[in-house]
Amino acid sequence: MKIPNIKKHLPLLYLLVFCVLTGICLGYPVNKSHYSLLTFFLLILLSASHTITYRITLVLLALLAAFYAPLGLLYGSVNFNTIASALYTDPQETKEFFTLFGIKDFIPSIIILTLCILLFKQKFTIKYKIPIAIVLCLITFIPLYKPISLGETHPENKVTLLPLRFLIVTVNSYRDVMEQEKIFQQTFSIPDSWSPKITETNYDTYIIVIGESVRRDFTHTHGFPIENTPFADTLKGKIFNNYISASGSTVPSLLRMLTLK
């Protein structure tokens, strides 16, 4: 019986693991791993057709997945909130955020970069390049027909080539954040229609406690079943129940809340 040459097929195994791990590091669930086969065959096709394009694509995928892996494994794929947080977080908050990660959170990134090095000079051969390229395009873009024809807001979520979906969602989310920022700026330019009233009280000092970066419906004070706000529950003061944030991030929201124009 002829024993298969396992060493000969190791590069294919490395490439498959690289593609599956890339999808997971970009924040897509494990049950979407079969979509990584598209990335797998795309890289094989590029390697067989144009070495430089293959290597550039491989390196860019590795860097993207390695950079996003700590976030993707904890918070999932990129979305509007991811982009908004990246744009509006100041350096101090960014530093504090990254201290939450330990060495183990960067292990997938190290594996991705190691596989990239192993695969960088690898040359794959494949027959029927054009038919395979056509099939890859059809599998990638046919799922978009229905959501586009129905006028769905985010048809890019149907893209089956995960790295491409990640990039499209990133661009669209950035555009949505910028559109919302324009609305905020227009609203902020409207003069305030109210003014503070100064009255005599029994107190010289007032303390404002702001529940920043927390959803109202996730607090026990406002009806959430888990007792996660013991201080607010026993607070002897005024709780504002209908306050609406003036912006989508910390700094502009607080500035607009605590100042008058």
C-alpha atoms as a PDB file:
ATOM      1  CA  MET A   1       0.000   0.000   0.000  1.00  0.00           C
ATOM      2  CA  LYS A   2       1.343   3.372  -0.975  1.00  0.00           C
ATOM      3  CA  ILE A   3       1.819   5.708   2.001  1.00  0.00           C
ATOM      4  CA  PRO A   4       0.832   9.312   1.217  1.00  0.00           C
ATOM      5  CA  ASN A   5       3.552  11.927   1.460  1.00  0.00           C
ATOM      6  CA  ILE A   6       2.217  13.979   4.402  1.00  0.00           C
ATOM      7  CA  LYS A   7       5.057  16.475   4.211  1.00  0.00           C
ATOM      8  CA  LYS A   8       4.068  17.308   0.641  1.00  0.00           C
ATOM      9  CA  HIS A   9       0.589  18.321   1.754  1.00  0.00           C
ATOM     10  CA  LEU A  10       1.627  20.291   4.848  1.00  0.00           C
ATOM     11  CA  PRO A  11       1.588  23.668   3.029  1.00  0.00           C
ATOM     12  CA  LEU A  12      -2.051  23.075   2.082  1.00  0.00           C
ATOM     13  CA  LEU A  13      -2.847  22.271   5.701  1.00  0.00           C
ATOM     14  CA  TYR A  14      -1.001  25.399   6.860  1.00  0.00           C
ATOM     15  CA  LEU A  15      -2.940  27.499   4.360  1.00  0.00           C
ATOM     16  CA  LEU A  16      -6.278  26.030   5.431  1.00  0.00           C
ATOM     17  CA  VAL A  17      -5.530  26.690   9.111  1.00  0.00           C
ATOM     18  CA  PHE A  18      -4.374  30.211   8.196  1.00  0.00           C
ATOM     19  CA  CYS A  19      -7.642  30.953   6.379  1.00  0.00           C
ATOM     20  CA  VAL A  20      -9.906  29.512   9.087  1.00  0.00           C
ATOM     21  CA  LEU A  21      -7.994  31.310  11.836  1.00  0.00           C
ATOM     22  CA  THR A  22      -8.092  34.551   9.859  1.00  0.00           C
ATOM     23  CA  GLY A  23     -11.893  34.441   9.758  1.00  0.00           C
ATOM     24  CA  ILE A  24     -12.091  33.720  13.479  1.00  0.00           C
ATOM     25  CA  CYS A  25      -9.608  36.495  14.328  1.00  0.00           C
ATOM     26  CA  LEU A  26     -11.660  38.948  12.276  1.00  0.00           C
ATOM     27  CA  GLY A  27     -14.496  38.246  14.686  1.00  0.00           C
ATOM     28  CA  TYR A  28     -16.659  35.844  12.706  1.00  0.00           C
ATOM     29  CA  PRO A  29     -18.119  32.863  14.577  1.00  0.00           C
ATOM     30  CA  VAL A  30     -16.729  29.371  14.182  1.00  0.00           C
ATOM     31  CA  ASN A  31     -19.916  28.240  12.436  1.00  0.00           C
ATOM     32  CA  LYS A  32     -18.916  30.554   9.563  1.00  0.00           C
ATOM     33  CA  SER A  33     -15.574  28.764   9.132  1.00  0.00           C
ATOM     34  CA  HIS A  34     -16.757  27.047   5.955  1.00  0.00           C
ATOM     35  CA  TYR A  35     -16.693  30.500   4.334  1.00  0.00           C
ATOM     36  CA  SER A  36     -12.929  30.424   4.875  1.00  0.00           C
ATOM     37  CA  LEU A  37     -12.710  27.871   2.062  1.00  0.00           C
ATOM     38  CA  LEU A  38     -13.285  30.775  -0.323  1.00  0.00           C
ATOM     39  CA  THR A  39     -10.230  32.554   1.069  1.00  0.00           C
ATOM     40  CA  PHE A  40      -8.349  29.253   0.882  1.00  0.00           C
ATOM     41  CA  PHE A  41      -9.057  28.695  -2.829  1.00  0.00           C
ATOM     42  CA  LEU A  42      -8.533  32.373  -3.617  1.00  0.00           C
ATOM     43  CA  LEU A  43      -5.006  32.282  -2.180  1.00  0.00           C
ATOM     44  CA  ILE A  44      -4.232  29.046  -4.049  1.00  0.00           C
ATOM     45  CA  LEU A  45      -5.470  30.664  -7.265  1.00  0.00           C
ATOM     46  CA  LEU A  46      -3.363  33.778  -6.658  1.00  0.00           C
ATOM     47  CA  SER A  47      -0.297  31.699  -5.866  1.00  0.00           C
ATOM     48  CA  ALA A  48      -0.672  29.728  -9.090  1.00  0.00           C
ATOM     49  CA  SER A  49      -1.382  32.835 -11.179  1.00  0.00           C
ATOM     50  CA  HIS A  50       0.662  35.724  -9.804  1.00  0.00           C
ATOM     51  CA  THR A  51       3.212  35.235  -7.040  1.00  0.00           C
ATOM     52  CA  ILE A  52       3.584  38.898  -6.077  1.00  0.00           C
ATOM     53  CA  THR A  53      -0.180  39.388  -5.738  1.00  0.00           C
ATOM     54  CA  TYR A  54      -0.385  36.218  -3.655  1.00  0.00           C
ATOM     55  CA  ARG A  55       2.343  37.383  -1.281  1.00  0.00           C
ATOM     56  CA  ILE A  56       0.927  40.899  -0.899  1.00  0.00           C
ATOM     57  CA  THR A  57      -2.560  39.517  -0.216  1.00  0.00           C
ATOM     58  CA  LEU A  58      -1.177  36.954   2.254  1.00  0.00           C
ATOM     59  CA  VAL A  59       0.789  39.570   4.215  1.00  0.00           C
ATOM     60  CA  LEU A  60      -2.101  42.061   4.293  1.00  0.00           C
ATOM     61  CA  LEU A  61      -4.507  39.375   5.512  1.00  0.00           C
ATOM     62  CA  ALA A  62      -2.036  38.269   8.198  1.00  0.00           C
ATOM     63  CA  LEU A  63      -1.431  41.809   9.445  1.00  0.00           C
ATOM     64  CA  LEU A  64      -5.141  42.641   9.462  1.00  0.00           C
ATOM     65  CA  ALA A  65      -6.115  39.456  11.313  1.00  0.00           C
ATOM     66  CA  ALA A  66      -3.187  39.658  13.755  1.00  0.00           C
ATOM     67  CA  PHE A  67      -3.961  43.280  14.618  1.00  0.00           C
ATOM     68  CA  TYR A  68      -7.699  42.757  15.065  1.00  0.00           C
ATOM     69  CA  ALA A  69      -7.513  39.327  16.742  1.00  0.00           C
ATOM     70  CA  PRO A  70      -7.657  40.489  20.411  1.00  0.00           C
ATOM     71  CA  LEU A  71     -10.730  42.582  19.623  1.00  0.00           C
ATOM     72  CA  GLY A  72     -12.340  40.100  17.265  1.00  0.00           C
ATOM     73  CA  LEU A  73     -12.134  37.164  19.654  1.00  0.00           C
ATOM     74  CA  LEU A  74     -13.726  39.184  22.460  1.00  0.00           C
ATOM     75  CA  TYR A  75     -16.159  41.516  20.716  1.00  0.00           C
ATOM     76  CA  GLY A  76     -16.823  39.985  17.310  1.00  0.00           C
ATOM     77  CA  SER A  77     -16.514  41.436  13.826  1.00  0.00           C
ATOM     78  CA  VAL A  78     -16.209  45.127  13.050  1.00  0.00           C
ATOM     79  CA  ASN A  79     -19.373  47.236  13.138  1.00  0.00           C
ATOM     80  CA  PHE A  80     -20.604  50.793  13.669  1.00  0.00           C
ATOM     81  CA  ASN A  81     -19.769  50.759  17.381  1.00  0.00           C
ATOM     82  CA  THR A  82     -16.233  49.491  16.728  1.00  0.00           C
ATOM     83  CA  ILE A  83     -15.463  52.346  14.342  1.00  0.00           C
ATOM     84  CA  ALA A  84     -17.125  54.955  16.577  1.00  0.00           C
ATOM     85  CA  SER A  85     -15.085  53.766  19.561  1.00  0.00           C
ATOM     86  CA  ALA A  86     -11.855  53.892  17.549  1.00  0.00           C
ATOM     87  CA  LEU A  87     -12.548  57.441  16.342  1.00  0.00           C
ATOM     88  CA  TYR A  88     -13.756  58.952  19.600  1.00  0.00           C
ATOM     89  CA  THR A  89     -11.544  57.241  22.181  1.00  0.00           C
ATOM     90  CA  ASP A  90      -8.739  59.456  23.471  1.00  0.00           C
ATOM     91  CA  PRO A  91      -5.149  58.191  23.988  1.00  0.00           C
ATOM     92  CA  GLN A  92      -5.605  57.665  27.722  1.00  0.00           C
ATOM     93  CA  GLU A  93      -8.741  55.567  27.237  1.00  0.00           C
ATOM     94  CA  THR A  94      -6.983  53.597  24.485  1.00  0.00           C
ATOM     95  CA  LYS A  95      -4.073  52.840  26.792  1.00  0.00           C
ATOM     96  CA  GLU A  96      -6.407  51.722  29.561  1.00  0.00           C
ATOM     97  CA  PHE A  97      -8.368  49.567  27.121  1.00  0.00           C
ATOM     98  CA  PHE A  98      -5.337  47.640  25.873  1.00  0.00           C
ATOM     99  CA  THR A  99      -4.227  46.900  29.436  1.00  0.00           C
ATOM    100  CA  LEU A 100      -7.266  44.606  29.611  1.00  0.00           C
ATOM    101  CA  PHE A 101      -5.549  42.154  27.262  1.00  0.00           C
ATOM    102  CA  GLY A 102      -3.092  39.546  28.473  1.00  0.00           C
ATOM    103  CA  ILE A 103      -0.385  37.646  26.616  1.00  0.00           C
ATOM    104  CA  LYS A 104      -2.799  34.783  25.877  1.00  0.00           C
ATOM    105  CA  ASP A 105      -5.001  37.170  23.887  1.00  0.00           C
ATOM    106  CA  PHE A 106      -2.166  37.666  21.389  1.00  0.00           C
ATOM    107  CA  ILE A 107      -1.421  33.962  20.830  1.00  0.00           C
ATOM    108  CA  PRO A 108      -3.730  33.765  17.770  1.00  0.00           C
ATOM    109  CA  SER A 109      -1.921  36.791  16.322  1.00  0.00           C
ATOM    110  CA  ILE A 110       1.438  35.060  16.765  1.00  0.00           C
ATOM    111  CA  ILE A 111       0.109  31.900  15.097  1.00  0.00           C
ATOM    112  CA  ILE A 112      -1.266  33.910  12.159  1.00  0.00           C
ATOM    113  CA  LEU A 113       2.057  35.696  11.593  1.00  0.00           C
ATOM    114  CA  THR A 114       4.011  32.435  11.904  1.00  0.00           C
ATOM    115  CA  LEU A 115       1.831  30.736   9.291  1.00  0.00           C
ATOM    116  CA  CYS A 116       2.259  33.756   7.045  1.00  0.00           C
ATOM    117  CA  ILE A 117       6.042  33.354   7.192  1.00  0.00           C
ATOM    118  CA  LEU A 118       5.770  29.630   6.427  1.00  0.00           C
ATOM    119  CA  LEU A 119       3.481  30.270   3.454  1.00  0.00           C
ATOM    120  CA  PHE A 120       5.171  33.366   2.054  1.00  0.00           C
ATOM    121  CA  LYS A 121       7.440  31.582  -0.448  1.00  0.00           C
ATOM    122  CA  GLN A 122       5.086  28.689  -1.061  1.00  0.00           C
ATOM    123  CA  LYS A 123       4.052  28.054  -4.662  1.00  0.00           C
ATOM    124  CA  PHE A 124       0.806  26.222  -5.300  1.00  0.00           C
ATOM    125  CA  THR A 125      -0.227  24.801  -8.653  1.00  0.00           C
ATOM    126  CA  ILE A 126      -3.778  24.367  -9.837  1.00  0.00           C
ATOM    127  CA  LYS A 127      -5.574  23.431 -13.047  1.00  0.00           C
ATOM    128  CA  TYR A 128      -8.577  25.154 -14.586  1.00  0.00           C
ATOM    129  CA  LYS A 129      -7.744  28.585 -13.171  1.00  0.00           C
ATOM    130  CA  ILE A 130     -10.388  30.529 -15.093  1.00  0.00           C
ATOM    131  CA  PRO A 131     -13.339  28.239 -14.213  1.00  0.00           C
ATOM    132  CA  ILE A 132     -12.293  28.264 -10.555  1.00  0.00           C
ATOM    133  CA  ALA A 133     -12.029  32.067 -10.592  1.00  0.00           C
ATOM    134  CA  ILE A 134     -15.536  32.319 -12.072  1.00  0.00           C
ATOM    135  CA  VAL A 135     -16.967  29.956  -9.452  1.00  0.00           C
ATOM    136  CA  LEU A 136     -15.307  31.952  -6.643  1.00  0.00           C
ATOM    137  CA  CYS A 137     -16.823  35.195  -7.960  1.00  0.00           C
ATOM    138  CA  LEU A 138     -20.269  33.635  -8.256  1.00  0.00           C
ATOM    139  CA  ILE A 139     -20.164  32.181  -4.742  1.00  0.00           C
ATOM    140  CA  THR A 140     -18.966  35.522  -3.364  1.00  0.00           C
ATOM    141  CA  PHE A 141     -21.410  37.869  -5.063  1.00  0.00           C
ATOM    142  CA  ILE A 142     -24.565  35.880  -5.882  1.00  0.00           C
ATOM    143  CA  PRO A 143     -25.735  36.031  -2.212  1.00  0.00           C
ATOM    144  CA  LEU A 144     -25.817  39.832  -2.621  1.00  0.00           C
ATOM    145  CA  TYR A 145     -28.503  39.753  -5.311  1.00  0.00           C
ATOM    146  CA  LYS A 146     -31.480  39.173  -3.036  1.00  0.00           C
ATOM    147  CA  PRO A 147     -30.645  41.751  -0.300  1.00  0.00           C
ATOM    148  CA  ILE A 148     -29.759  44.382  -2.928  1.00  0.00           C
ATOM    149  CA  SER A 149     -32.936  43.730  -4.917  1.00  0.00           C
ATOM    150  CA  LEU A 150     -34.988  43.992  -1.710  1.00  0.00           C
ATOM    151  CA  GLY A 151     -33.251  47.250  -0.784  1.00  0.00           C
ATOM    152  CA  GLU A 152     -31.777  45.964   2.463  1.00  0.00           C
ATOM    153  CA  THR A 153     -29.711  48.527   4.373  1.00  0.00           C
ATOM    154  CA  HIS A 154     -26.551  46.444   4.760  1.00  0.00           C
ATOM    155  CA  PRO A 155     -26.289  43.836   1.974  1.00  0.00           C
ATOM    156  CA  GLU A 156     -22.536  43.584   2.605  1.00  0.00           C
ATOM    157  CA  ASN A 157     -23.321  41.304   5.546  1.00  0.00           C
ATOM    158  CA  LYS A 158     -24.168  38.639   2.980  1.00  0.00           C
ATOM    159  CA  VAL A 159     -20.699  38.660   1.392  1.00  0.00           C
ATOM    160  CA  THR A 160     -19.271  35.171   1.865  1.00  0.00           C
ATOM    161  CA  LEU A 161     -15.615  36.110   1.414  1.00  0.00           C
ATOM    162  CA  LEU A 162     -14.971  37.102   5.031  1.00  0.00           C
ATOM    163  CA  PRO A 163     -11.942  39.424   4.599  1.00  0.00           C
ATOM    164  CA  LEU A 164     -13.818  41.274   1.857  1.00  0.00           C
ATOM    165  CA  ARG A 165     -16.904  41.532   4.083  1.00  0.00           C
ATOM    166  CA  PHE A 166     -14.720  42.870   6.907  1.00  0.00           C
ATOM    167  CA  LEU A 167     -13.283  45.617   4.679  1.00  0.00           C
ATOM    168  CA  ILE A 168     -16.646  46.619   3.174  1.00  0.00           C
ATOM    169  CA  VAL A 169     -18.308  46.777   6.604  1.00  0.00           C
ATOM    170  CA  THR A 170     -15.384  48.830   7.926  1.00  0.00           C
ATOM    171  CA  VAL A 171     -15.703  51.393   5.122  1.00  0.00           C
ATOM    172  CA  ASN A 172     -19.504  51.579   5.390  1.00  0.00           C
ATOM    173  CA  SER A 173     -19.396  51.852   9.187  1.00  0.00           C
ATOM    174  CA  TYR A 174     -16.882  54.693   8.956  1.00  0.00           C
ATOM    175  CA  ARG A 175     -19.165  56.468   6.497  1.00  0.00           C
ATOM    176  CA  ASP A 176     -22.167  55.988   8.818  1.00  0.00           C
ATOM    177  CA  VAL A 177     -20.226  57.360  11.789  1.00  0.00           C
ATOM    178  CA  MET A 178     -19.210  60.426   9.801  1.00  0.00           C
ATOM    179  CA  GLU A 179     -22.816  60.977   8.683  1.00  0.00           C
ATOM    180  CA  GLN A 180     -23.984  60.797  12.281  1.00  0.00           C
ATOM    181  CA  GLU A 181     -21.243  63.194  13.334  1.00  0.00           C
ATOM    182  CA  LYS A 182     -22.528  65.723  10.784  1.00  0.00           C
ATOM    183  CA  ILE A 183     -25.984  65.446  12.325  1.00  0.00           C
ATOM    184  CA  PHE A 184     -24.516  65.967  15.795  1.00  0.00           C
ATOM    185  CA  GLN A 185     -22.600  69.034  14.613  1.00  0.00           C
ATOM    186  CA  GLN A 186     -25.726  70.511  13.027  1.00  0.00           C
ATOM    187  CA  THR A 187     -27.692  69.888  16.213  1.00  0.00           C
ATOM    188  CA  PHE A 188     -24.949  71.377  18.364  1.00  0.00           C
ATOM    189  CA  SER A 189     -25.024  74.576  16.324  1.00  0.00           C
ATOM    190  CA  ILE A 190     -28.631  75.210  17.367  1.00  0.00           C
ATOM    191  CA  PRO A 191     -28.736  77.677  20.310  1.00  0.00           C
ATOM    192  CA  ASP A 192     -30.031  76.306  23.599  1.00  0.00           C
ATOM    193  CA  SER A 193     -33.695  77.022  24.254  1.00  0.00           C
ATOM    194  CA  TRP A 194     -33.345  76.907  28.015  1.00  0.00           C
ATOM    195  CA  SER A 195     -31.352  78.683  30.684  1.00  0.00           C
ATOM    196  CA  PRO A 196     -30.425  77.701  34.254  1.00  0.00           C
ATOM    197  CA  LYS A 197     -32.508  78.970  37.126  1.00  0.00           C
ATOM    198  CA  ILE A 198     -30.642  80.121  40.218  1.00  0.00           C
ATOM    199  CA  THR A 199     -32.572  79.557  43.423  1.00  0.00           C
ATOM    200  CA  GLU A 200     -31.760  79.523  47.102  1.00  0.00           C
ATOM    201  CA  THR A 201     -31.212  75.990  48.474  1.00  0.00           C
ATOM    202  CA  ASN A 202     -30.028  74.325  51.637  1.00  0.00           C
ATOM    203  CA  TYR A 203     -26.842  73.087  49.954  1.00  0.00           C
ATOM    204  CA  ASP A 204     -23.695  74.788  48.743  1.00  0.00           C
ATOM    205  CA  THR A 205     -22.346  71.834  46.769  1.00  0.00           C
ATOM    206  CA  TYR A 206     -24.058  69.407  44.414  1.00  0.00           C
ATOM    207  CA  ILE A 207     -22.506  66.197  43.120  1.00  0.00           C
ATOM    208  CA  ILE A 208     -23.513  64.900  39.704  1.00  0.00           C
ATOM    209  CA  VAL A 209     -23.037  61.157  39.203  1.00  0.00           C
ATOM    210  CA  ILE A 210     -22.980  60.247  35.522  1.00  0.00           C
ATOM    211  CA  GLY A 211     -23.546  56.644  34.416  1.00  0.00           C
ATOM    212  CA  GLU A 212     -21.245  56.984  31.430  1.00  0.00           C
ATOM    213  CA  SER A 213     -20.840  54.174  28.860  1.00  0.00           C
ATOM    214  CA  VAL A 214     -23.710  52.125  30.231  1.00  0.00           C
ATOM    215  CA  ARG A 215     -27.121  51.304  28.859  1.00  0.00           C
ATOM    216  CA  ARG A 216     -30.051  52.533  30.944  1.00  0.00           C
ATOM    217  CA  ASP A 217     -32.007  49.294  30.518  1.00  0.00           C
ATOM    218  CA  PHE A 218     -29.040  47.304  31.830  1.00  0.00           C
ATOM    219  CA  THR A 219     -29.124  48.945  35.253  1.00  0.00           C
ATOM    220  CA  HIS A 220     -31.110  47.672  38.234  1.00  0.00           C
ATOM    221  CA  THR A 221     -32.122  51.231  39.096  1.00  0.00           C
ATOM    222  CA  HIS A 222     -34.122  51.309  35.851  1.00  0.00           C
ATOM    223  CA  GLY A 223     -35.638  47.847  36.076  1.00  0.00           C
ATOM    224  CA  PHE A 224     -32.867  45.394  35.100  1.00  0.00           C
ATOM    225  CA  PRO A 225     -33.378  42.196  37.178  1.00  0.00           C
ATOM    226  CA  ILE A 226     -29.741  41.811  38.265  1.00  0.00           C
ATOM    227  CA  GLU A 227     -28.801  44.036  41.230  1.00  0.00           C
ATOM    228  CA  ASN A 228     -25.816  45.726  39.593  1.00  0.00           C
ATOM    229  CA  THR A 229     -26.340  49.313  40.823  1.00  0.00           C
ATOM    230  CA  PRO A 230     -26.284  49.133  44.645  1.00  0.00           C
ATOM    231  CA  PHE A 231     -25.110  52.750  45.023  1.00  0.00           C
ATOM    232  CA  ALA A 232     -27.758  54.221  42.742  1.00  0.00           C
ATOM    233  CA  ASP A 233     -30.451  52.024  44.308  1.00  0.00           C
ATOM    234  CA  THR A 234     -29.868  53.604  47.722  1.00  0.00           C
ATOM    235  CA  LEU A 235     -29.056  57.094  46.499  1.00  0.00           C
ATOM    236  CA  LYS A 236     -30.812  59.882  48.363  1.00  0.00           C
ATOM    237  CA  GLY A 237     -31.031  62.263  45.485  1.00  0.00           C
ATOM    238  CA  LYS A 238     -32.646  63.017  42.150  1.00  0.00           C
ATOM    239  CA  ILE A 239     -32.378  60.376  39.414  1.00  0.00           C
ATOM    240  CA  PHE A 240     -32.978  61.642  35.882  1.00  0.00           C
ATOM    241  CA  ASN A 241     -34.849  58.970  33.948  1.00  0.00           C
ATOM    242  CA  ASN A 242     -35.336  60.598  30.575  1.00  0.00           C
ATOM    243  CA  TYR A 243     -31.947  62.101  29.745  1.00  0.00           C
ATOM    244  CA  ILE A 244     -30.874  61.563  26.116  1.00  0.00           C
ATOM    245  CA  SER A 245     -27.173  61.643  25.296  1.00  0.00           C
ATOM    246  CA  ALA A 246     -26.095  64.630  23.229  1.00  0.00           C
ATOM    247  CA  SER A 247     -23.625  62.587  21.200  1.00  0.00           C
ATOM    248  CA  GLY A 248     -22.498  59.055  20.483  1.00  0.00           C
ATOM    249  CA  SER A 249     -19.257  59.168  22.451  1.00  0.00           C
ATOM    250  CA  THR A 250     -17.944  60.293  25.819  1.00  0.00           C
ATOM    251  CA  VAL A 251     -16.131  63.586  25.231  1.00  0.00           C
ATOM    252  CA  PRO A 252     -18.610  65.416  22.966  1.00  0.00           C
ATOM    253  CA  SER A 253     -21.541  64.076  24.977  1.00  0.00           C
ATOM    254  CA  LEU A 254     -20.227  65.378  28.304  1.00  0.00           C
ATOM    255  CA  LEU A 255     -19.128  68.700  26.817  1.00  0.00           C
ATOM    256  CA  ARG A 256     -22.579  69.338  25.418  1.00  0.00           C
ATOM    257  CA  MET A 257     -24.300  68.180  28.581  1.00  0.00           C
ATOM    258  CA  LEU A 258     -22.342  70.402  30.976  1.00  0.00           C
ATOM    259  CA  THR A 259     -22.083  73.603  28.942  1.00  0.00           C
ATOM    260  CA  LEU A 260     -24.352  76.198  27.359  1.00  0.00           C
ATOM    261  CA  LYS A 261     -23.881  77.940  24.025  1.00  0.00           C
END
